[in-house]
Amino acid sequence: MRNVFIVLLIAALGAALYFFVIKRKPGDPLAKNEKLILGKWTIDSLDGSHAKNSIPMLTALLHAMDSAQNKIQLEFLKNGKLVEGDGKAKDTNNYSVEKETILFWSDGDSTRKKYQISKLDSTHMILQDKDSIIFNLSRVK
């Protein structure tokens, strides 16, 4: 009986090792995006010209015209927290990366805002929401 238990335990550990280590290779886009997104980013510009309806486009244009909004920094932490601030006030939210998308949500809110990752490298990130508003971000040096 003891031998059967040991064999089952070794098989379970092998399966866990396969799924959590071997299956998620370093070249996996999800693992790559999770690592690249970490750190501080600044919102450089917003493009609402392709927005599907006028309300998000108007909001994006007003947001882009306000020069103070261009100084907003987003810091993505390893623990899934997102710190948003402009140097004076800071707000903490949550995020998760799922393939080519990123989800944002607040602690007390179950609604998740979904953004498509159009471009992500070590210096630039481009996000697009469902209304086709494009956010251009650059990494803070």
Protein backbone atom coordinates (compact mmCIF):
# COMPACT_ATOMS: atom_id res chain seq x y z
CA MET A 1 0.00 0.00 0.00
CA ARG A 2 2.82 2.37 0.88
CA ASN A 3 4.54 1.70 -2.48
CA VAL A 4 1.34 2.50 -4.39
CA PHE A 5 1.01 5.81 -2.51
CA ILE A 6 4.65 6.75 -3.28
CA VAL A 7 4.19 5.93 -7.00
CA LEU A 8 1.01 8.05 -7.16
CA LEU A 9 2.73 10.92 -5.36
CA ILE A 10 5.68 10.85 -7.79
CA ALA A 11 3.27 10.77 -10.76
CA ALA A 12 1.35 13.78 -9.39
CA LEU A 13 4.57 15.74 -8.83
CA GLY A 14 5.71 14.91 -12.37
CA ALA A 15 2.41 16.11 -13.84
CA ALA A 16 2.58 19.33 -11.81
CA LEU A 17 6.16 19.93 -12.94
CA TYR A 18 5.16 19.40 -16.57
CA PHE A 19 2.20 21.81 -16.48
CA PHE A 20 3.75 24.59 -14.40
CA VAL A 21 7.37 24.59 -15.55
CA ILE A 22 7.89 22.78 -18.82
CA LYS A 23 4.63 23.68 -20.58
CA ARG A 24 5.08 27.43 -19.95
CA LYS A 25 8.34 28.04 -21.74
CA PRO A 26 10.19 31.38 -21.52
CA GLY A 27 9.28 32.04 -25.17
CA ASP A 28 5.57 31.76 -24.36
CA PRO A 29 3.87 35.08 -25.36
CA LEU A 30 1.92 35.16 -22.09
CA ALA A 31 5.05 34.78 -19.98
CA LYS A 32 6.85 37.34 -22.15
CA ASN A 33 4.02 39.89 -21.86
CA GLU A 34 3.78 39.38 -18.09
CA LYS A 35 7.49 40.21 -17.74
CA LEU A 36 7.60 43.09 -20.24
CA ILE A 37 4.67 44.93 -18.71
CA LEU A 38 6.27 45.19 -15.25
CA GLY A 39 7.58 48.63 -14.30
CA LYS A 40 6.61 52.27 -14.75
CA TRP A 41 4.93 53.60 -17.89
CA THR A 42 3.78 57.09 -18.92
CA ILE A 43 0.72 57.77 -21.06
CA ASP A 44 2.12 59.69 -24.04
CA SER A 45 -1.02 60.13 -26.13
CA LEU A 46 -4.55 58.97 -26.83
CA ASP A 47 -6.08 58.46 -30.26
CA GLY A 48 -9.87 58.51 -30.40
CA SER A 49 -10.15 59.00 -34.16
CA HIS A 50 -11.24 55.38 -34.70
CA ALA A 51 -13.73 55.33 -31.80
CA LYS A 52 -16.96 53.45 -32.51
CA ASN A 53 -19.18 56.06 -30.88
CA SER A 54 -18.78 59.74 -30.08
CA ILE A 55 -18.83 59.64 -26.26
CA PRO A 56 -15.55 57.72 -25.81
CA MET A 57 -14.00 59.73 -28.62
CA LEU A 58 -14.99 63.01 -26.96
CA THR A 59 -13.68 61.76 -23.62
CA ALA A 60 -10.40 60.68 -25.20
CA LEU A 61 -9.97 63.99 -27.01
CA LEU A 62 -10.62 65.98 -23.85
CA HIS A 63 -8.26 63.69 -21.98
CA ALA A 64 -5.56 64.11 -24.64
CA MET A 65 -5.96 67.90 -24.76
CA ASP A 66 -5.43 68.22 -21.00
CA SER A 67 -1.65 68.51 -20.69
CA ALA A 68 -1.72 67.33 -17.08
CA GLN A 69 -3.19 63.98 -18.17
CA ASN A 70 -0.09 63.27 -20.26
CA LYS A 71 1.94 63.10 -17.07
CA ILE A 72 0.01 60.15 -15.62
CA GLN A 73 2.24 57.23 -14.71
CA LEU A 74 1.17 53.61 -14.45
CA GLU A 75 3.29 51.19 -12.44
CA PHE A 76 2.65 47.49 -12.98
CA LEU A 77 3.78 45.42 -9.98
CA LYS A 78 4.53 41.67 -9.85
CA ASN A 79 1.67 41.04 -7.41
CA GLY A 80 -0.98 42.08 -9.97
CA LYS A 81 -1.39 45.61 -8.59
CA LEU A 82 -1.45 48.70 -10.77
CA VAL A 83 -0.45 52.03 -9.20
CA GLU A 84 -1.72 55.03 -11.14
CA GLY A 85 -0.56 58.53 -10.29
CA ASP A 86 0.38 61.96 -11.51
CA GLY A 87 3.02 62.74 -8.90
CA LYS A 88 0.51 64.11 -6.40
CA ALA A 89 -2.27 61.56 -5.96
CA LYS A 90 -2.03 57.79 -6.41
CA ASP A 91 -4.68 55.15 -6.97
CA THR A 92 -4.20 51.39 -6.73
CA ASN A 93 -6.10 48.94 -8.92
CA ASN A 94 -5.58 45.39 -10.17
CA TYR A 95 -4.53 43.98 -13.52
CA SER A 96 -3.96 40.64 -15.18
CA VAL A 97 -2.42 39.70 -18.51
CA GLU A 98 -4.21 37.09 -20.62
CA LYS A 99 -2.48 36.29 -23.92
CA GLU A 100 -2.70 39.49 -25.99
CA THR A 101 -5.06 41.34 -23.63
CA ILE A 102 -4.81 43.08 -20.28
CA LEU A 103 -7.66 43.42 -17.78
CA PHE A 104 -8.01 46.23 -15.21
CA TRP A 105 -10.37 46.34 -12.22
CA SER A 106 -10.81 48.00 -8.84
CA ASP A 107 -10.89 46.09 -5.54
CA GLY A 108 -14.55 46.80 -4.84
CA ASP A 109 -15.72 46.43 -8.43
CA SER A 110 -16.28 43.20 -10.35
CA THR A 111 -16.39 44.98 -13.73
CA ARG A 112 -13.23 44.39 -15.70
CA LYS A 113 -12.04 46.77 -18.41
CA LYS A 114 -10.38 44.88 -21.25
CA TYR A 115 -7.63 46.29 -23.49
CA GLN A 116 -6.00 44.66 -26.50
CA ILE A 117 -2.20 44.79 -26.44
CA SER A 118 -1.33 46.02 -29.95
CA LYS A 119 2.37 46.49 -29.26
CA LEU A 120 4.56 45.66 -26.29
CA ASP A 121 8.32 45.83 -26.16
CA SER A 122 10.91 47.06 -23.68
CA THR A 123 10.22 50.76 -24.40
CA HIS A 124 6.69 51.13 -25.85
CA MET A 125 3.22 49.77 -25.23
CA ILE A 126 0.07 50.40 -27.26
CA LEU A 127 -3.31 49.43 -25.79
CA GLN A 128 -6.71 49.59 -27.49
CA ASP A 129 -10.05 49.37 -25.72
CA LYS A 130 -13.30 47.95 -27.11
CA ASP A 131 -14.33 51.39 -28.39
CA SER A 132 -11.11 51.61 -30.46
CA ILE A 133 -9.45 54.30 -28.35
CA ILE A 134 -5.70 53.80 -28.61
CA PHE A 135 -3.40 54.52 -25.64
CA ASN A 136 0.29 55.06 -26.42
CA LEU A 137 2.59 54.50 -23.45
CA SER A 138 6.35 54.66 -23.02
CA ARG A 139 8.49 53.16 -20.29
CA VAL A 140 9.81 55.57 -17.66
CA LYS A 141 13.60 55.48 -17.61
